[in-house]
Amino acid sequence: VIGKGFNAGDLGPNTIVGSAAFNLFMIIAICVMAVPNGEIRRQKHLDVFCVTAT
């Protein structure tokens, strides 16, 4: 894209970053809501969150 002389518009990169942040927050929210009240669970593997966040 850069080699062909294309430039990102004002909205493009911000839309991608905002969408990624929203998706990450939704994944976390669903994981929190899935645990019943009064029950404690620990995340053993953080690989999924690391991949989603990058």
PDB file of N, CA and C in Angstrom:
ATOM      1  N   VAL A   1       0.835  -1.190   0.000  1.00  0.00           N
ATOM      2  CA  VAL A   1       0.000   0.000   0.000  1.00  0.00           C
ATOM      3  C   VAL A   1       0.874   1.246   0.000  1.00  0.00           C
ATOM      4  N   ILE A   2       1.901   1.254   0.837  1.00  0.00           N
ATOM      5  CA  ILE A   2       2.764   2.429   0.904  1.00  0.00           C
ATOM      6  C   ILE A   2       3.579   2.562  -0.381  1.00  0.00           C
ATOM      7  N   GLY A   3       4.043   1.452  -0.944  1.00  0.00           N
ATOM      8  CA  GLY A   3       4.853   1.478  -2.149  1.00  0.00           C
ATOM      9  C   GLY A   3       4.111   2.000  -3.366  1.00  0.00           C
ATOM     10  N   LYS A   4       2.813   1.862  -3.404  1.00  0.00           N
ATOM     11  CA  LYS A   4       2.005   2.321  -4.535  1.00  0.00           C
ATOM     12  C   LYS A   4       1.570   3.777  -4.397  1.00  0.00           C
ATOM     13  N   GLY A   5       1.929   4.414  -3.287  1.00  0.00           N
ATOM     14  CA  GLY A   5       1.588   5.823  -3.111  1.00  0.00           C
ATOM     15  C   GLY A   5       0.220   6.073  -2.502  1.00  0.00           C
ATOM     16  N   PHE A   6      -0.408   5.044  -1.967  1.00  0.00           N
ATOM     17  CA  PHE A   6      -1.700   5.246  -1.320  1.00  0.00           C
ATOM     18  C   PHE A   6      -1.488   5.881   0.048  1.00  0.00           C
ATOM     19  N   ASN A   7      -2.387   6.730   0.439  1.00  0.00           N
ATOM     20  CA  ASN A   7      -2.334   7.360   1.758  1.00  0.00           C
ATOM     21  C   ASN A   7      -3.590   7.000   2.533  1.00  0.00           C
ATOM     22  N   ALA A   8      -3.442   6.855   3.831  1.00  0.00           N
ATOM     23  CA  ALA A   8      -4.602   6.576   4.683  1.00  0.00           C
ATOM     24  C   ALA A   8      -5.385   7.860   4.883  1.00  0.00           C
ATOM     25  N   GLY A   9      -6.685   7.748   4.863  1.00  0.00           N
ATOM     26  CA  GLY A   9      -7.530   8.901   5.135  1.00  0.00           C
ATOM     27  C   GLY A   9      -7.529   9.217   6.617  1.00  0.00           C
ATOM     28  N   ASP A  10      -8.225  10.282   6.969  1.00  0.00           N
ATOM     29  CA  ASP A  10      -8.287  10.695   8.368  1.00  0.00           C
ATOM     30  C   ASP A  10      -9.015   9.673   9.232  1.00  0.00           C
ATOM     31  N   LEU A  11      -9.986   9.002   8.658  1.00  0.00           N
ATOM     32  CA  LEU A  11     -10.833   8.104   9.438  1.00  0.00           C
ATOM     33  C   LEU A  11     -10.320   6.666   9.465  1.00  0.00           C
ATOM     34  N   GLY A  12      -9.568   6.229   8.479  1.00  0.00           N
ATOM     35  CA  GLY A  12      -9.165   4.832   8.325  1.00  0.00           C
ATOM     36  C   GLY A  12      -8.482   4.199   9.521  1.00  0.00           C
ATOM     37  N   PRO A  13      -7.286   4.663   9.920  1.00  0.00           N
ATOM     38  CA  PRO A  13      -6.583   4.032  11.043  1.00  0.00           C
ATOM     39  C   PRO A  13      -7.350   4.118  12.357  1.00  0.00           C
ATOM     40  N   ASN A  14      -8.021   5.233  12.590  1.00  0.00           N
ATOM     41  CA  ASN A  14      -8.793   5.384  13.831  1.00  0.00           C
ATOM     42  C   ASN A  14      -9.949   4.395  13.885  1.00  0.00           C
ATOM     43  N   THR A  15     -10.547   4.117  12.752  1.00  0.00           N
ATOM     44  CA  THR A  15     -11.642   3.151  12.707  1.00  0.00           C
ATOM     45  C   THR A  15     -11.148   1.753  13.049  1.00  0.00           C
ATOM     46  N   ILE A  16     -10.002   1.382  12.523  1.00  0.00           N
ATOM     47  CA  ILE A  16      -9.452   0.051  12.789  1.00  0.00           C
ATOM     48  C   ILE A  16      -9.074  -0.095  14.255  1.00  0.00           C
ATOM     49  N   VAL A  17      -8.407   0.907  14.819  1.00  0.00           N
ATOM     50  CA  VAL A  17      -8.009   0.855  16.231  1.00  0.00           C
ATOM     51  C   VAL A  17      -9.237   0.842  17.130  1.00  0.00           C
ATOM     52  N   GLY A  18     -10.220   1.665  16.831  1.00  0.00           N
ATOM     53  CA  GLY A  18     -11.448   1.707  17.632  1.00  0.00           C
ATOM     54  C   GLY A  18     -12.215   0.401  17.569  1.00  0.00           C
ATOM     55  N   SER A  19     -12.267  -0.195  16.399  1.00  0.00           N
ATOM     56  CA  SER A  19     -12.954  -1.471  16.236  1.00  0.00           C
ATOM     57  C   SER A  19     -12.247  -2.576  17.014  1.00  0.00           C
ATOM     58  N   ALA A  20     -10.925  -2.583  16.976  1.00  0.00           N
ATOM     59  CA  ALA A  20     -10.161  -3.592  17.714  1.00  0.00           C
ATOM     60  C   ALA A  20     -10.360  -3.431  19.219  1.00  0.00           C
ATOM     61  N   ALA A  21     -10.365  -2.193  19.696  1.00  0.00           N
ATOM     62  CA  ALA A  21     -10.580  -1.951  21.126  1.00  0.00           C
ATOM     63  C   ALA A  21     -11.979  -2.397  21.536  1.00  0.00           C
ATOM     64  N   PHE A  22     -12.976  -2.077  20.717  1.00  0.00           N
ATOM     65  CA  PHE A  22     -14.346  -2.487  21.013  1.00  0.00           C
ATOM     66  C   PHE A  22     -14.452  -4.010  21.064  1.00  0.00           C
ATOM     67  N   ASN A  23     -13.853  -4.694  20.104  1.00  0.00           N
ATOM     68  CA  ASN A  23     -13.898  -6.162  20.086  1.00  0.00           C
ATOM     69  C   ASN A  23     -13.244  -6.752  21.325  1.00  0.00           C
ATOM     70  N   LEU A  24     -12.113  -6.194  21.737  1.00  0.00           N
ATOM     71  CA  LEU A  24     -11.431  -6.692  22.931  1.00  0.00           C
ATOM     72  C   LEU A  24     -12.289  -6.492  24.176  1.00  0.00           C
ATOM     73  N   PHE A  25     -12.913  -5.322  24.302  1.00  0.00           N
ATOM     74  CA  PHE A  25     -13.776  -5.067  25.459  1.00  0.00           C
ATOM     75  C   PHE A  25     -14.994  -5.984  25.450  1.00  0.00           C
ATOM     76  N   MET A  26     -15.540  -6.280  24.279  1.00  0.00           N
ATOM     77  CA  MET A  26     -16.695  -7.171  24.211  1.00  0.00           C
ATOM     78  C   MET A  26     -16.311  -8.599  24.599  1.00  0.00           C
ATOM     79  N   ILE A  27     -15.145  -9.062  24.181  1.00  0.00           N
ATOM     80  CA  ILE A  27     -14.681 -10.401  24.569  1.00  0.00           C
ATOM     81  C   ILE A  27     -14.526 -10.480  26.079  1.00  0.00           C
ATOM     82  N   ILE A  28     -13.920  -9.463  26.674  1.00  0.00           N
ATOM     83  CA  ILE A  28     -13.743  -9.445  28.129  1.00  0.00           C
ATOM     84  C   ILE A  28     -15.092  -9.396  28.834  1.00  0.00           C
ATOM     85  N   ALA A  29     -16.019  -8.578  28.338  1.00  0.00           N
ATOM     86  CA  ALA A  29     -17.339  -8.458  28.965  1.00  0.00           C
ATOM     87  C   ALA A  29     -18.101  -9.778  28.922  1.00  0.00           C
ATOM     88  N   ILE A  30     -18.050 -10.470  27.812  1.00  0.00           N
ATOM     89  CA  ILE A  30     -18.747 -11.754  27.703  1.00  0.00           C
ATOM     90  C   ILE A  30     -18.122 -12.785  28.632  1.00  0.00           C
ATOM     91  N   CYS A  31     -16.801 -12.773  28.736  1.00  0.00           N
ATOM     92  CA  CYS A  31     -16.128 -13.704  29.654  1.00  0.00           C
ATOM     93  C   CYS A  31     -16.516 -13.424  31.103  1.00  0.00           C
ATOM     94  N   VAL A  32     -16.630 -12.156  31.462  1.00  0.00           N
ATOM     95  CA  VAL A  32     -17.014 -11.795  32.831  1.00  0.00           C
ATOM     96  C   VAL A  32     -18.462 -12.189  33.097  1.00  0.00           C
ATOM     97  N   MET A  33     -19.348 -11.967  32.134  1.00  0.00           N
ATOM     98  CA  MET A  33     -20.763 -12.281  32.326  1.00  0.00           C
ATOM     99  C   MET A  33     -21.022 -13.787  32.358  1.00  0.00           C
ATOM    100  N   ALA A  34     -20.141 -14.585  31.779  1.00  0.00           N
ATOM    101  CA  ALA A  34     -20.350 -16.034  31.714  1.00  0.00           C
ATOM    102  C   ALA A  34     -20.110 -16.725  33.048  1.00  0.00           C
ATOM    103  N   VAL A  35     -19.385 -16.078  33.954  1.00  0.00           N
ATOM    104  CA  VAL A  35     -19.093 -16.675  35.262  1.00  0.00           C
ATOM    105  C   VAL A  35     -20.273 -16.395  36.199  1.00  0.00           C
ATOM    106  N   PRO A  36     -20.863 -17.429  36.802  1.00  0.00           N
ATOM    107  CA  PRO A  36     -21.988 -17.221  37.719  1.00  0.00           C
ATOM    108  C   PRO A  36     -21.585 -16.383  38.939  1.00  0.00           C
ATOM    109  N   ASN A  37     -22.557 -15.701  39.524  1.00  0.00           N
ATOM    110  CA  ASN A  37     -22.305 -14.890  40.724  1.00  0.00           C
ATOM    111  C   ASN A  37     -21.789 -15.762  41.858  1.00  0.00           C
ATOM    112  N   GLY A  38     -20.816 -15.264  42.572  1.00  0.00           N
ATOM    113  CA  GLY A  38     -20.255 -15.975  43.704  1.00  0.00           C
ATOM    114  C   GLY A  38     -19.185 -16.986  43.335  1.00  0.00           C
ATOM    115  N   GLU A  39     -18.965 -17.197  42.067  1.00  0.00           N
ATOM    116  CA  GLU A  39     -17.960 -18.159  41.624  1.00  0.00           C
ATOM    117  C   GLU A  39     -16.725 -17.409  41.134  1.00  0.00           C
ATOM    118  N   ILE A  40     -15.567 -17.948  41.458  1.00  0.00           N
ATOM    119  CA  ILE A  40     -14.304 -17.334  41.046  1.00  0.00           C
ATOM    120  C   ILE A  40     -13.602 -18.278  40.083  1.00  0.00           C
ATOM    121  N   ARG A  41     -13.192 -17.734  38.955  1.00  0.00           N
ATOM    122  CA  ARG A  41     -12.427 -18.514  37.983  1.00  0.00           C
ATOM    123  C   ARG A  41     -11.178 -17.732  37.617  1.00  0.00           C
ATOM    124  N   ARG A  42     -10.125 -18.447  37.373  1.00  0.00           N
ATOM    125  CA  ARG A  42      -8.857 -17.816  36.988  1.00  0.00           C
ATOM    126  C   ARG A  42      -8.512 -18.212  35.559  1.00  0.00           C
ATOM    127  N   GLN A  43      -7.957 -17.257  34.852  1.00  0.00           N
ATOM    128  CA  GLN A  43      -7.524 -17.503  33.480  1.00  0.00           C
ATOM    129  C   GLN A  43      -6.115 -18.077  33.497  1.00  0.00           C
ATOM    130  N   LYS A  44      -5.962 -19.299  33.019  1.00  0.00           N
ATOM    131  CA  LYS A  44      -4.647 -19.938  33.010  1.00  0.00           C
ATOM    132  C   LYS A  44      -3.846 -19.558  31.771  1.00  0.00           C
ATOM    133  N   HIS A  45      -4.521 -19.431  30.656  1.00  0.00           N
ATOM    134  CA  HIS A  45      -3.836 -19.168  29.390  1.00  0.00           C
ATOM    135  C   HIS A  45      -4.243 -17.782  28.882  1.00  0.00           C
ATOM    136  N   LEU A  46      -3.307 -16.881  28.858  1.00  0.00           N
ATOM    137  CA  LEU A  46      -3.587 -15.520  28.403  1.00  0.00           C
ATOM    138  C   LEU A  46      -3.268 -15.326  26.922  1.00  0.00           C
ATOM    139  N   ASP A  47      -2.942 -16.404  26.226  1.00  0.00           N
ATOM    140  CA  ASP A  47      -2.569 -16.303  24.819  1.00  0.00           C
ATOM    141  C   ASP A  47      -3.672 -15.670  23.973  1.00  0.00           C
ATOM    142  N   VAL A  48      -4.919 -16.044  24.235  1.00  0.00           N
ATOM    143  CA  VAL A  48      -6.034 -15.528  23.441  1.00  0.00           C
ATOM    144  C   VAL A  48      -6.144 -14.020  23.595  1.00  0.00           C
ATOM    145  N   PHE A  49      -6.028 -13.531  24.812  1.00  0.00           N
ATOM    146  CA  PHE A  49      -6.123 -12.094  25.033  1.00  0.00           C
ATOM    147  C   PHE A  49      -4.944 -11.357  24.407  1.00  0.00           C
ATOM    148  N   CYS A  50      -3.770 -11.948  24.462  1.00  0.00           N
ATOM    149  CA  CYS A  50      -2.582 -11.319  23.859  1.00  0.00           C
ATOM    150  C   CYS A  50      -2.717 -11.247  22.347  1.00  0.00           C
ATOM    151  N   VAL A  51      -3.214 -12.314  21.733  1.00  0.00           N
ATOM    152  CA  VAL A  51      -3.388 -12.315  20.280  1.00  0.00           C
ATOM    153  C   VAL A  51      -4.464 -11.320  19.873  1.00  0.00           C
ATOM    154  N   THR A  52      -5.553 -11.258  20.623  1.00  0.00           N
ATOM    155  CA  THR A  52      -6.630 -10.330  20.303  1.00  0.00           C
ATOM    156  C   THR A  52      -6.182  -8.887  20.475  1.00  0.00           C
ATOM    157  N   ALA A  53      -5.344  -8.631  21.459  1.00  0.00           N
ATOM    158  CA  ALA A  53      -4.915  -7.263  21.744  1.00  0.00           C
ATOM    159  C   ALA A  53      -3.856  -6.754  20.771  1.00  0.00           C
ATOM    160  N   THR A  54      -3.222  -7.650  20.027  1.00  0.00           N
ATOM    161  CA  THR A  54      -2.175  -7.174  19.109  1.00  0.00           C
ATOM    162  C   THR A  54      -2.670  -7.016  17.702  1.00  0.00           C
TER     163      THR A  54
END
